[in-house]
N, C-alpha and C. Protein backbone atom coordinates (compact mmCIF):
# COMPACT_ATOMS: atom_id res chain seq x y z
N UNK A 1 -20.39 53.50 135.29
CA UNK A 1 -21.12 52.40 135.15
C UNK A 1 -22.12 52.80 134.16
N UNK A 2 -22.88 53.68 134.08
CA UNK A 2 -23.74 54.04 133.15
C UNK A 2 -22.99 54.63 131.77
N UNK A 3 -22.14 55.24 132.24
CA UNK A 3 -21.13 55.81 131.02
C UNK A 3 -20.34 54.74 130.21
N UNK A 4 -19.92 53.76 130.91
CA UNK A 4 -19.39 52.46 130.56
C UNK A 4 -20.65 52.28 129.46
N UNK A 5 -21.72 51.76 129.96
CA UNK A 5 -22.69 51.03 129.53
C UNK A 5 -22.97 51.78 127.97
N UNK A 6 -23.26 52.85 128.22
CA UNK A 6 -23.43 54.04 127.12
C UNK A 6 -22.62 54.01 125.98
N UNK A 7 -21.17 53.87 126.37
CA UNK A 7 -20.12 53.62 125.42
C UNK A 7 -20.08 52.57 124.65
N UNK A 8 -20.32 51.15 125.20
CA UNK A 8 -20.60 49.96 124.70
C UNK A 8 -21.74 49.83 123.53
N UNK A 9 -22.76 50.43 124.11
CA UNK A 9 -24.06 50.69 122.87
C UNK A 9 -23.75 51.32 121.78
N UNK A 10 -22.98 52.54 121.95
CA UNK A 10 -22.27 53.23 120.81
C UNK A 10 -21.63 52.34 120.04
N UNK A 11 -20.77 51.77 120.66
CA UNK A 11 -19.74 50.85 119.69
C UNK A 11 -20.52 50.10 118.85
N UNK A 12 -21.20 49.23 119.71
CA UNK A 12 -22.14 47.97 118.97
C UNK A 12 -22.98 48.48 117.82
N UNK A 13 -23.78 50.05 117.90
CA UNK A 13 -24.24 50.88 116.97
C UNK A 13 -23.15 50.79 115.76
N UNK A 14 -21.88 51.22 116.22
CA UNK A 14 -21.24 51.65 114.94
C UNK A 14 -20.87 50.37 114.25
N UNK A 15 -20.46 49.08 115.08
CA UNK A 15 -19.95 48.03 114.71
C UNK A 15 -21.10 47.34 114.07
N UNK A 16 -22.43 47.60 113.94
CA UNK A 16 -23.66 46.88 113.37
C UNK A 16 -23.75 47.75 111.95
N UNK A 17 -22.91 48.99 111.66
CA UNK A 17 -23.21 49.47 110.43
C UNK A 17 -22.11 48.89 108.89
N UNK A 18 -22.97 48.12 108.21
CA UNK A 18 -22.11 47.68 107.15
C UNK A 18 -21.39 48.11 106.48
N UNK A 19 -20.33 47.52 106.01
CA UNK A 19 -19.17 48.04 105.35
C UNK A 19 -19.82 48.52 104.12
N UNK A 20 -19.51 49.59 103.31
CA UNK A 20 -20.20 50.04 102.25
C UNK A 20 -19.78 49.19 100.72
N UNK A 21 -18.40 48.95 101.18
CA UNK A 21 -17.82 48.10 99.86
C UNK A 21 -18.75 46.44 99.92
N UNK A 22 -18.92 46.12 101.28
CA UNK A 22 -19.43 44.82 101.29
C UNK A 22 -21.05 44.88 100.51
N UNK A 23 -21.70 45.77 100.39
CA UNK A 23 -22.81 46.01 100.00
C UNK A 23 -23.05 46.49 98.10
N UNK A 24 -22.14 46.64 97.86
CA UNK A 24 -22.02 46.87 96.31
C UNK A 24 -22.56 45.72 95.74
N UNK A 25 -22.90 45.84 94.49
CA UNK A 25 -23.58 44.76 93.55
C UNK A 25 -24.79 44.98 93.07
N UNK A 26 -25.37 44.16 92.30
CA UNK A 26 -26.53 44.12 91.74
C UNK A 26 -27.52 43.48 92.51
N UNK A 27 -28.71 43.96 92.53
CA UNK A 27 -29.76 43.45 93.34
C UNK A 27 -31.24 43.81 92.59
N UNK A 28 -31.83 42.60 92.71
CA UNK A 28 -32.92 42.30 92.07
C UNK A 28 -34.71 42.19 93.01
N UNK A 29 -35.29 43.11 92.69
CA UNK A 29 -36.64 43.38 93.56
C UNK A 29 -37.94 42.86 92.58
N UNK A 30 -37.48 42.06 91.80
CA UNK A 30 -38.68 41.70 90.83
C UNK A 30 -39.55 40.78 91.22
N UNK A 31 -40.79 40.58 90.88
CA UNK A 31 -42.11 39.66 91.28
C UNK A 31 -43.00 39.84 90.41
N UNK A 32 -44.03 39.41 90.95
CA UNK A 32 -45.16 39.10 90.00
C UNK A 32 -45.83 40.68 89.53
N UNK A 33 -45.80 40.96 88.41
CA UNK A 33 -46.27 42.06 87.74
C UNK A 33 -45.29 43.40 88.02
N UNK A 34 -44.28 43.01 88.58
CA UNK A 34 -43.23 43.99 89.07
C UNK A 34 -41.67 43.69 88.58
N UNK A 35 -41.10 44.60 87.81
CA UNK A 35 -39.61 44.19 87.69
C UNK A 35 -38.71 45.40 88.15
N UNK A 36 -37.75 45.24 88.95
CA UNK A 36 -37.27 46.06 90.02
C UNK A 36 -35.73 46.00 89.92
N UNK A 37 -34.71 46.43 89.42
CA UNK A 37 -33.34 46.60 89.44
C UNK A 37 -32.76 47.67 90.29
N UNK A 38 -31.59 47.19 91.11
CA UNK A 38 -30.68 48.31 91.55
C UNK A 38 -29.33 47.73 91.91
N UNK A 39 -28.45 48.89 91.12
CA UNK A 39 -26.92 48.26 91.22
C UNK A 39 -26.35 49.66 91.75
N UNK A 40 -25.55 49.12 93.04
CA UNK A 40 -24.76 50.10 93.57
C UNK A 40 -23.20 49.55 93.30
N UNK A 41 -22.70 50.43 92.59
CA UNK A 41 -21.25 50.38 92.34
C UNK A 41 -20.31 50.83 93.37
N UNK A 42 -19.00 50.19 93.34
CA UNK A 42 -18.08 50.34 94.46
C UNK A 42 -17.85 51.68 94.36
N UNK A 43 -17.60 52.33 93.43
CA UNK A 43 -17.57 54.14 93.44
C UNK A 43 -18.58 55.05 93.56
N UNK A 44 -19.55 54.44 94.32
CA UNK A 44 -20.67 55.50 94.99
C UNK A 44 -21.69 55.78 94.23
N UNK A 45 -21.55 55.34 93.05
CA UNK A 45 -22.80 55.48 91.91
C UNK A 45 -23.68 54.61 91.84
N UNK A 46 -25.01 54.54 91.82
CA UNK A 46 -26.30 53.49 91.45
C UNK A 46 -26.80 54.01 90.42
N UNK A 47 -27.68 52.61 90.08
CA UNK A 47 -28.37 52.78 88.74
C UNK A 47 -29.80 51.97 89.26
N UNK A 48 -30.95 52.44 89.08
CA UNK A 48 -32.36 51.89 89.63
C UNK A 48 -33.07 51.86 88.35
N UNK A 49 -34.19 51.08 88.32
CA UNK A 49 -34.79 50.90 87.22
C UNK A 49 -36.13 50.00 87.84
N UNK A 50 -37.23 50.71 87.19
CA UNK A 50 -38.50 49.83 88.03
C UNK A 50 -39.90 49.79 86.73
N UNK A 51 -40.38 48.90 86.37
CA UNK A 51 -41.34 48.74 85.72
C UNK A 51 -42.51 48.06 86.47
N UNK A 52 -43.90 48.92 86.16
CA UNK A 52 -44.94 48.32 87.16
C UNK A 52 -45.93 48.75 86.55
N UNK A 53 -46.95 47.96 85.59
CA UNK A 53 -47.94 48.22 84.85
C UNK A 53 -47.62 49.18 83.98
N UNK A 54 -48.20 50.24 83.65
CA UNK A 54 -47.83 51.31 82.59
C UNK A 54 -46.85 52.21 83.02
N UNK A 55 -46.31 51.70 84.44
CA UNK A 55 -45.18 52.96 84.79
C UNK A 55 -43.92 52.31 84.36
N UNK A 56 -42.88 53.16 84.08
CA UNK A 56 -41.57 52.62 83.69
C UNK A 56 -40.56 53.87 84.56
N UNK A 57 -39.54 53.74 85.32
CA UNK A 57 -39.07 54.83 86.06
C UNK A 57 -37.49 54.25 85.99
N UNK A 58 -36.54 54.95 86.03
CA UNK A 58 -35.47 54.90 86.24
C UNK A 58 -35.08 56.06 87.11
N UNK A 59 -33.29 56.01 87.56
CA UNK A 59 -32.63 56.47 88.17
C UNK A 59 -31.51 56.57 88.18
N UNK A 60 -30.23 57.76 88.60
CA UNK A 60 -28.95 57.16 88.79
C UNK A 60 -28.58 58.58 89.57
N UNK A 61 -27.17 57.96 90.32
CA UNK A 61 -27.16 59.23 91.18
C UNK A 61 -26.04 58.51 92.26
N UNK A 62 -25.92 58.97 93.49
CA UNK A 62 -24.60 58.97 94.23
C UNK A 62 -25.74 58.03 95.63
N UNK A 63 -24.70 56.83 96.18
CA UNK A 63 -25.50 56.09 97.48
C UNK A 63 -24.17 55.96 98.58
N UNK A 64 -24.98 55.75 99.57
CA UNK A 64 -24.10 55.85 100.98
C UNK A 64 -24.65 54.90 101.88
N UNK A 65 -23.96 54.72 103.12
CA UNK A 65 -24.72 53.84 104.26
C UNK A 65 -24.86 54.74 105.27
N UNK A 66 -25.94 54.97 105.77
CA UNK A 66 -26.13 55.52 107.18
C UNK A 66 -27.32 55.19 108.09
N UNK A 67 -26.96 54.99 109.18
CA UNK A 67 -28.10 54.46 110.10
C UNK A 67 -28.62 53.31 109.66
N UNK A 68 -27.95 52.19 109.16
CA UNK A 68 -28.54 50.79 109.01
C UNK A 68 -29.33 50.80 107.59
N UNK A 69 -29.14 51.49 106.83
CA UNK A 69 -29.75 51.89 105.48
C UNK A 69 -28.99 52.48 104.26
N UNK A 70 -29.15 51.83 103.06
CA UNK A 70 -28.50 52.24 101.73
C UNK A 70 -29.47 53.64 101.68
N UNK A 71 -28.69 54.80 101.35
CA UNK A 71 -29.15 56.19 101.12
C UNK A 71 -28.97 56.48 99.76
N UNK A 72 -30.15 56.98 98.98
CA UNK A 72 -30.10 57.06 97.47
C UNK A 72 -30.21 58.73 97.24
N UNK A 73 -29.35 59.45 96.65
CA UNK A 73 -29.48 60.78 96.13
C UNK A 73 -29.12 60.84 94.81
N UNK A 74 -30.34 60.75 93.86
CA UNK A 74 -30.42 61.11 92.39
C UNK A 74 -29.51 62.25 91.65
N UNK A 75 -29.29 62.41 90.58
CA UNK A 75 -28.35 63.44 89.96
C UNK A 75 -29.64 64.47 89.51
N UNK A 76 -29.38 65.54 89.49
CA UNK A 76 -30.25 66.47 88.95
C UNK A 76 -31.23 66.01 88.06
N UNK A 77 -32.73 66.07 88.35
CA UNK A 77 -33.92 65.92 87.35
C UNK A 77 -34.64 67.49 87.18
N UNK A 78 -35.12 67.37 85.59
CA UNK A 78 -35.86 68.51 85.52
C UNK A 78 -37.55 67.99 85.58
N UNK A 79 -38.01 68.48 86.59
CA UNK A 79 -39.48 68.03 86.69
C UNK A 79 -40.50 68.43 85.36
N UNK A 80 -41.33 67.77 85.25
CA UNK A 80 -42.45 68.11 84.21
C UNK A 80 -43.30 69.55 84.62
N UNK A 81 -43.46 70.24 83.64
CA UNK A 81 -43.62 71.54 83.75
C UNK A 81 -45.48 71.49 83.00
N UNK A 82 -45.97 72.62 83.43
CA UNK A 82 -47.40 72.75 82.89
C UNK A 82 -47.74 74.50 82.53
N UNK A 83 -48.07 74.39 81.50
CA UNK A 83 -48.85 75.79 81.35
C UNK A 83 -50.09 76.31 81.05
N UNK A 84 -50.97 76.92 81.31
CA UNK A 84 -52.46 76.86 81.27
C UNK A 84 -52.66 78.32 80.45
N UNK A 85 -53.80 78.09 79.56
CA UNK A 85 -54.29 79.12 79.10
C UNK A 85 -55.64 79.38 78.94
N UNK A 86 -56.43 80.20 79.41
CA UNK A 86 -58.09 80.37 79.45
C UNK A 86 -58.71 80.86 78.23
N UNK A 87 -59.31 79.82 77.35
CA UNK A 87 -59.76 79.89 76.21
C UNK A 87 -61.31 81.06 76.02
N UNK A 88 -61.53 81.13 77.28
CA UNK A 88 -62.79 82.07 77.54
C UNK A 88 -64.25 81.23 77.57
N UNK A 89 -65.10 81.71 77.62
CA UNK A 89 -66.78 81.31 77.94
C UNK A 89 -66.92 80.03 77.14
N UNK A 90 -67.72 78.87 78.38
CA UNK A 90 -67.86 77.40 77.20
C UNK A 90 -69.32 77.66 77.67
N UNK A 91 -69.59 76.16 77.45
CA UNK A 91 -71.34 75.82 77.97
C UNK A 91 -71.43 75.91 79.43
N UNK A 92 -72.51 76.50 79.71
CA UNK A 92 -72.81 76.80 80.99
C UNK A 92 -72.74 75.44 81.82
N UNK A 93 -72.31 75.35 82.75
CA UNK A 93 -72.07 74.40 84.20
C UNK A 93 -71.03 73.48 83.63
N UNK A 94 -69.99 73.73 82.72
CA UNK A 94 -69.26 72.52 82.14
C UNK A 94 -67.77 73.30 81.93
N UNK A 95 -66.73 72.98 82.49
CA UNK A 95 -65.18 73.25 81.80
C UNK A 95 -64.94 72.38 80.82
N UNK A 96 -64.44 72.88 79.76
CA UNK A 96 -64.38 72.22 78.75
C UNK A 96 -62.58 72.14 78.65
N UNK A 97 -61.67 71.11 79.04
CA UNK A 97 -60.34 71.26 79.18
C UNK A 97 -59.47 70.51 78.03
N UNK A 98 -58.82 70.78 77.32
CA UNK A 98 -57.99 70.34 76.23
C UNK A 98 -56.59 70.25 77.01
N UNK A 99 -55.81 68.95 76.69
CA UNK A 99 -54.65 68.94 76.93
C UNK A 99 -53.83 68.79 75.68
N UNK A 100 -52.84 69.26 75.64
CA UNK A 100 -51.52 69.16 74.48
C UNK A 100 -50.27 68.76 75.22
N UNK A 101 -49.88 67.54 74.64
CA UNK A 101 -49.19 66.65 74.72
C UNK A 101 -48.02 66.24 73.75
N UNK A 102 -46.63 66.08 74.00
CA UNK A 102 -45.90 65.30 73.20
C UNK A 102 -46.76 64.18 72.40
N UNK A 103 -46.28 63.97 71.25
CA UNK A 103 -47.09 62.49 70.38
C UNK A 103 -46.71 61.15 71.21
N UNK A 104 -45.61 61.04 71.97
CA UNK A 104 -45.48 59.84 72.27
C UNK A 104 -45.99 59.56 73.62
N UNK A 105 -46.72 60.59 74.24
CA UNK A 105 -47.58 60.12 75.66
C UNK A 105 -48.84 59.93 75.23
N UNK A 106 -49.60 59.12 75.84
CA UNK A 106 -50.95 58.84 75.84
C UNK A 106 -51.61 59.68 76.53
N UNK A 107 -52.69 60.65 76.10
CA UNK A 107 -53.49 61.31 77.25
C UNK A 107 -54.52 60.74 77.87
N UNK A 108 -55.07 59.46 77.72
CA UNK A 108 -55.70 58.83 78.41
C UNK A 108 -55.26 58.26 79.80
N UNK A 109 -54.02 58.60 80.02
CA UNK A 109 -53.29 58.30 81.21
C UNK A 109 -53.67 59.44 82.18
N UNK A 110 -54.14 60.51 81.60
CA UNK A 110 -54.19 62.02 82.49
C UNK A 110 -55.74 62.16 82.93
N UNK A 111 -55.78 63.01 84.04
CA UNK A 111 -57.30 63.38 84.25
C UNK A 111 -57.20 64.90 84.66
N UNK A 112 -58.58 65.65 84.67
CA UNK A 112 -58.15 66.82 84.94
C UNK A 112 -59.36 66.59 86.17
N UNK A 113 -58.86 67.45 87.13
CA UNK A 113 -59.64 67.67 88.87
C UNK A 113 -60.16 69.12 88.79
N UNK A 114 -61.71 69.47 89.01
CA UNK A 114 -61.86 70.37 89.35
C UNK A 114 -62.03 70.78 91.05
N UNK A 115 -61.79 71.43 91.75
CA UNK A 115 -61.69 72.02 93.28
C UNK A 115 -62.54 72.93 93.44
N UNK A 116 -62.88 73.17 94.68
CA UNK A 116 -63.51 74.18 95.36
C UNK A 116 -63.87 74.26 96.80
N UNK A 117 -64.16 75.39 97.51
CA UNK A 117 -64.13 75.51 98.85
C UNK A 117 -65.25 74.62 99.62
N UNK A 118 -66.30 74.71 98.53
CA UNK A 118 -67.63 73.83 99.09
C UNK A 118 -68.20 72.83 98.10
N UNK A 119 -67.16 72.24 97.44
CA UNK A 119 -67.46 70.97 96.58
C UNK A 119 -66.18 69.76 96.89
N UNK A 120 -67.04 68.92 96.41
CA UNK A 120 -65.74 67.53 96.69
C UNK A 120 -65.26 67.63 95.27
N UNK A 121 -64.11 67.30 95.04
CA UNK A 121 -63.24 67.03 93.85
C UNK A 121 -63.80 66.59 92.85
N UNK A 122 -64.07 66.98 91.49
CA UNK A 122 -64.76 66.39 90.41
C UNK A 122 -63.39 65.76 89.15
N UNK A 123 -63.48 64.86 88.94
CA UNK A 123 -62.58 64.39 88.04
C UNK A 123 -62.88 63.91 86.78
N UNK A 124 -62.51 64.25 85.77
CA UNK A 124 -62.76 63.87 84.42
C UNK A 124 -61.58 63.34 83.63
N UNK A 125 -61.75 61.95 82.96
CA UNK A 125 -60.72 61.50 82.70
C UNK A 125 -60.50 62.36 80.94
N UNK A 126 -59.53 62.39 80.63
CA UNK A 126 -58.98 62.77 79.35
C UNK A 126 -59.00 61.94 78.28
N UNK A 127 -59.91 62.07 77.14
CA UNK A 127 -60.02 60.90 76.13
C UNK A 127 -58.79 61.19 75.12
N UNK A 128 -58.95 60.08 74.33
CA UNK A 128 -57.95 59.95 73.29
C UNK A 128 -58.01 60.96 72.70
N UNK A 129 -58.41 62.07 72.18
CA UNK A 129 -58.43 63.28 71.66
C UNK A 129 -57.57 64.19 72.01
N UNK A 130 -57.46 64.06 73.76
CA UNK A 130 -56.81 65.23 74.41
C UNK A 130 -57.88 66.10 74.99
N UNK A 131 -59.05 65.88 75.02
CA UNK A 131 -60.11 66.59 75.64
C UNK A 131 -61.07 65.79 76.75
N UNK A 132 -61.52 66.95 77.78
CA UNK A 132 -62.22 66.43 78.79
C UNK A 132 -63.19 67.25 79.21
N UNK A 133 -64.42 66.95 79.29
CA UNK A 133 -65.81 67.79 79.43
C UNK A 133 -65.95 67.39 80.96
N UNK A 134 -66.21 68.27 82.06
CA UNK A 134 -66.46 68.10 83.22
C UNK A 134 -67.41 69.19 83.75
N UNK A 135 -68.65 68.65 84.26
CA UNK A 135 -69.88 68.97 84.54
C UNK A 135 -69.67 69.61 86.05
N UNK A 136 -70.22 70.72 86.50
CA UNK A 136 -70.27 70.91 87.89
C UNK A 136 -71.64 71.60 88.46
N UNK A 137 -71.82 71.84 89.54
CA UNK A 137 -72.87 72.38 90.03
C UNK A 137 -72.76 74.06 89.74
N UNK A 138 -73.63 74.63 89.39
CA UNK A 138 -73.15 75.95 89.27
C UNK A 138 -73.45 76.26 90.80
N UNK A 139 -74.38 76.27 91.56
CA UNK A 139 -74.57 76.70 92.85
C UNK A 139 -73.43 76.53 93.55
N UNK A 140 -72.13 75.78 93.46
CA UNK A 140 -71.12 75.34 94.30
C UNK A 140 -69.92 75.42 92.98
N UNK A 141 -69.79 76.23 92.15
CA UNK A 141 -68.54 76.54 91.27
C UNK A 141 -67.23 76.09 91.97
N UNK A 142 -66.61 75.37 91.03
CA UNK A 142 -65.54 75.15 91.40
C UNK A 142 -64.54 76.72 91.57
N UNK A 143 -62.96 76.41 92.03
CA UNK A 143 -62.36 77.74 91.92
C UNK A 143 -61.18 77.32 91.18
N UNK A 144 -60.98 76.06 90.91
CA UNK A 144 -59.51 76.15 90.10
C UNK A 144 -60.08 74.58 89.57
N UNK A 145 -58.49 74.35 88.56
CA UNK A 145 -58.85 73.04 87.83
C UNK A 145 -57.14 72.66 87.91
N UNK A 146 -56.88 71.35 88.32
CA UNK A 146 -55.49 70.79 87.91
C UNK A 146 -55.63 69.63 87.41
N UNK A 147 -54.19 69.25 87.01
CA UNK A 147 -53.95 67.94 86.21
C UNK A 147 -53.14 67.11 87.06
N UNK A 148 -53.84 65.64 86.74
CA UNK A 148 -53.19 64.71 87.53
C UNK A 148 -52.77 63.43 86.64
N UNK A 149 -51.32 63.01 86.94
CA UNK A 149 -51.00 61.64 85.98
C UNK A 149 -50.85 60.68 87.16
N UNK A 150 -51.69 60.07 87.34
CA UNK A 150 -51.42 58.74 88.82
C UNK A 150 -50.53 58.15 88.64
N UNK A 151 -50.29 57.33 87.41
CA UNK A 151 -49.24 56.48 87.52
C UNK A 151 -47.94 56.97 87.87
N UNK A 152 -47.88 58.22 87.77
CA UNK A 152 -46.50 58.63 88.32
C UNK A 152 -46.81 59.59 89.97
N UNK A 153 -47.95 59.52 90.45
CA UNK A 153 -48.74 60.27 91.50
C UNK A 153 -48.07 62.04 91.25
N UNK A 154 -48.42 61.95 90.00
CA UNK A 154 -47.90 63.42 89.73
C UNK A 154 -49.35 64.42 89.38
N UNK A 155 -48.97 65.73 90.24
CA UNK A 155 -50.27 66.48 90.40
C UNK A 155 -49.43 68.00 89.98
N UNK A 156 -50.33 68.42 89.02
CA UNK A 156 -50.09 70.11 88.59
C UNK A 156 -50.34 70.96 89.75
N UNK A 157 -49.89 72.24 89.49
CA UNK A 157 -50.40 73.60 90.33
C UNK A 157 -51.93 73.58 90.29
N UNK A 158 -52.54 74.29 90.79
CA UNK A 158 -54.00 74.67 90.45
C UNK A 158 -53.91 75.70 89.78
N UNK A 159 -54.78 75.84 88.39
CA UNK A 159 -55.13 76.91 87.67
C UNK A 159 -56.40 77.56 87.99
N UNK A 160 -56.45 78.78 88.43
CA UNK A 160 -57.89 79.57 88.48
C UNK A 160 -58.64 79.74 87.65
N UNK A 161 -60.27 79.38 87.95
CA UNK A 161 -60.97 79.31 86.92
C UNK A 161 -62.24 80.74 87.31
N UNK A 162 -62.40 81.37 86.44
CA UNK A 162 -63.40 82.41 86.38
C UNK A 162 -64.70 82.17 85.61
N UNK A 163 -65.65 81.59 86.54
CA UNK A 163 -66.85 80.93 86.26
C UNK A 163 -68.06 81.76 86.23
N UNK A 164 -67.85 82.95 86.60
CA UNK A 164 -69.04 83.84 86.69
C UNK A 164 -69.65 84.10 85.77
N UNK A 165 -69.02 84.01 84.38
CA UNK A 165 -70.25 84.05 83.44
C UNK A 165 -70.54 82.85 82.60
N UNK A 166 -70.34 81.76 83.68
CA UNK A 166 -70.87 80.20 82.73
C UNK A 166 -69.86 79.52 82.92
N UNK A 167 -69.52 78.28 82.02
CA UNK A 167 -68.82 77.23 81.79
C UNK A 167 -67.53 78.18 81.36
N UNK A 168 -66.31 77.05 80.86
CA UNK A 168 -65.14 77.79 80.93
C UNK A 168 -64.48 76.81 80.09
N UNK A 169 -63.70 77.39 78.97
CA UNK A 169 -62.74 76.27 77.90
C UNK A 169 -61.38 76.77 78.43
N UNK A 170 -60.49 75.70 78.61
CA UNK A 170 -59.18 76.00 78.94
C UNK A 170 -58.05 74.98 78.16
N UNK A 171 -56.81 75.50 78.14
CA UNK A 171 -56.09 74.45 77.56
C UNK A 171 -54.72 74.60 78.74
N UNK A 172 -54.03 73.23 78.85
CA UNK A 172 -52.95 72.95 79.56
C UNK A 172 -52.09 72.23 78.58
N UNK A 173 -50.87 72.99 78.75
CA UNK A 173 -49.85 71.88 77.71
C UNK A 173 -48.88 71.36 79.10
N UNK A 174 -48.38 70.30 78.46
CA UNK A 174 -47.68 69.49 79.78
C UNK A 174 -45.88 69.07 79.01
N UNK A 175 -45.08 69.58 79.37
CA UNK A 175 -43.85 69.29 78.80
C UNK A 175 -43.23 68.18 79.99
N UNK A 176 -42.95 66.88 79.58
CA UNK A 176 -42.40 65.92 80.05
C UNK A 176 -41.50 65.53 81.26
N UNK A 177 -40.49 67.18 80.27
CA UNK A 177 -39.15 67.07 80.68
C UNK A 177 -38.62 65.68 81.56
N UNK A 178 -38.04 65.61 82.48
CA UNK A 178 -37.67 64.33 82.63
C UNK A 178 -38.63 63.25 83.68
N UNK A 179 -39.73 63.17 83.01
CA UNK A 179 -40.61 62.18 83.72
C UNK A 179 -40.32 60.97 83.31
N UNK A 180 -40.51 59.81 84.30
CA UNK A 180 -39.81 58.73 84.67
C UNK A 180 -38.21 58.41 84.78
N UNK A 181 -37.89 59.86 85.45
CA UNK A 181 -36.70 59.60 86.35
C UNK A 181 -36.80 60.20 87.49
N UNK A 182 -36.67 59.13 88.55
CA UNK A 182 -36.89 59.60 89.90
C UNK A 182 -36.17 60.33 90.44
N UNK A 183 -36.60 61.17 91.49
CA UNK A 183 -35.74 62.10 92.15
C UNK A 183 -35.59 61.82 93.37
N UNK A 184 -34.72 60.93 93.76
CA UNK A 184 -34.53 60.39 94.83
C UNK A 184 -33.72 61.46 95.59
N UNK A 185 -33.82 61.99 97.02
CA UNK A 185 -33.57 62.87 97.95
C UNK A 185 -33.35 62.47 99.41
N UNK A 186 -32.27 61.71 99.49
CA UNK A 186 -32.05 60.86 100.81
C UNK A 186 -33.07 59.94 101.39
N UNK A 187 -33.36 58.98 100.05
CA UNK A 187 -33.98 58.17 100.17
C UNK A 187 -33.67 57.13 100.61
N UNK A 188 -34.17 56.07 101.72
CA UNK A 188 -33.67 55.01 102.60
C UNK A 188 -34.03 54.19 102.29
N UNK A 189 -33.25 52.86 102.06
CA UNK A 189 -33.59 51.55 101.58
C UNK A 189 -33.20 50.62 103.14
N UNK A 190 -33.91 50.21 103.95
CA UNK A 190 -32.94 49.89 105.48
C UNK A 190 -32.52 48.56 105.09
N UNK A 191 -31.45 47.81 105.45
CA UNK A 191 -30.39 46.89 104.95
C UNK A 191 -30.92 45.63 105.96
N UNK A 192 -31.51 44.44 105.44
CA UNK A 192 -31.89 43.45 106.37
C UNK A 192 -30.95 42.20 105.51
N UNK A 193 -29.80 42.20 106.24
CA UNK A 193 -28.78 41.04 105.82
C UNK A 193 -28.46 41.37 104.21
N UNK A 194 -28.63 40.56 103.20
CA UNK A 194 -28.31 40.72 101.91
C UNK A 194 -29.65 41.35 101.02
N UNK A 195 -30.59 41.73 101.85
CA UNK A 195 -31.63 42.26 101.49
C UNK A 195 -31.70 43.78 101.74
N UNK A 196 -32.55 44.64 100.81
CA UNK A 196 -32.77 46.05 101.24
C UNK A 196 -34.40 46.34 100.63
N UNK A 197 -34.68 46.93 101.76
CA UNK A 197 -36.20 47.13 101.77
C UNK A 197 -36.72 48.60 101.03
N UNK A 198 -37.77 48.52 100.20
CA UNK A 198 -38.00 49.71 99.27
C UNK A 198 -39.50 49.88 99.38
N UNK A 199 -39.94 51.28 99.12
CA UNK A 199 -41.37 51.38 99.23
C UNK A 199 -41.57 52.35 98.04
N UNK A 200 -42.35 51.94 96.95
CA UNK A 200 -42.47 52.88 95.92
C UNK A 200 -43.67 52.95 95.26
N UNK A 201 -44.65 54.04 95.20
CA UNK A 201 -45.77 54.31 94.67
C UNK A 201 -46.65 53.08 95.59
N UNK A 202 -46.49 52.89 96.76
CA UNK A 202 -47.35 52.22 97.59
C UNK A 202 -47.10 50.72 97.38
N UNK A 203 -46.07 50.92 96.68
CA UNK A 203 -45.89 49.13 96.49
C UNK A 203 -44.37 48.96 97.41
N UNK A 204 -44.26 47.52 98.50
CA UNK A 204 -43.26 47.30 99.16
C UNK A 204 -42.46 46.48 98.41
N UNK A 205 -41.20 46.80 98.06
CA UNK A 205 -40.19 46.09 97.13
C UNK A 205 -39.21 45.27 98.02
N UNK A 206 -39.06 44.42 97.91
CA UNK A 206 -37.44 43.94 98.76
C UNK A 206 -36.17 43.44 97.58
N UNK A 207 -35.24 44.29 97.50
CA UNK A 207 -34.12 44.12 96.74
C UNK A 207 -33.05 43.15 97.35
N UNK A 208 -33.07 41.86 96.59
CA UNK A 208 -32.14 40.91 97.03
C UNK A 208 -30.84 40.63 96.23
N UNK A 209 -29.90 40.26 96.58
CA UNK A 209 -28.49 40.29 96.22
C UNK A 209 -28.52 39.33 95.44
N UNK A 210 -27.91 39.66 93.61
CA UNK A 210 -28.11 38.53 93.07
C UNK A 210 -26.94 37.79 93.06
């Protein structure tokens, strides 16, 4: 009897999986201050777009259905790249950081962050001219600095700082590559009738069939 019940439960779970063909179509997830679109094509391709505040994001790739969810896998995406240059000594107790960007990007969306084993992280917003001056306690000097772009939850690798002789001047060059192209890898959107549930950048989005 136990085997029969287990077999019936398995058949029910299989029957509950939606037919992918029935899910193909256009979905809208827009609401106040958020614009979101998802297109699931019958050939297994998808197109996605999100606009939220200063953030604009797109993606394309393949989709399929598994375990009650639509699963998204993006086409290959080139991640942003960072390169670091130590420009030598600077003002004592201060790290002067310069950010070099393509002209189309606003430096004021970025921040530098000092980190160390005995200190709390210290953030310095980048000014319009592309620089940030970040003061630190010489008694608890940072060991490294990294760059963040909060609107995309983007964090660079840590770049070591040599502060034995006082402050430091550093420069970071940022290559956006495919910034704004989402790299979905097995991202699941649970199916709820004609709706798909999605969470991105801390926002809950409900895609509804148009």
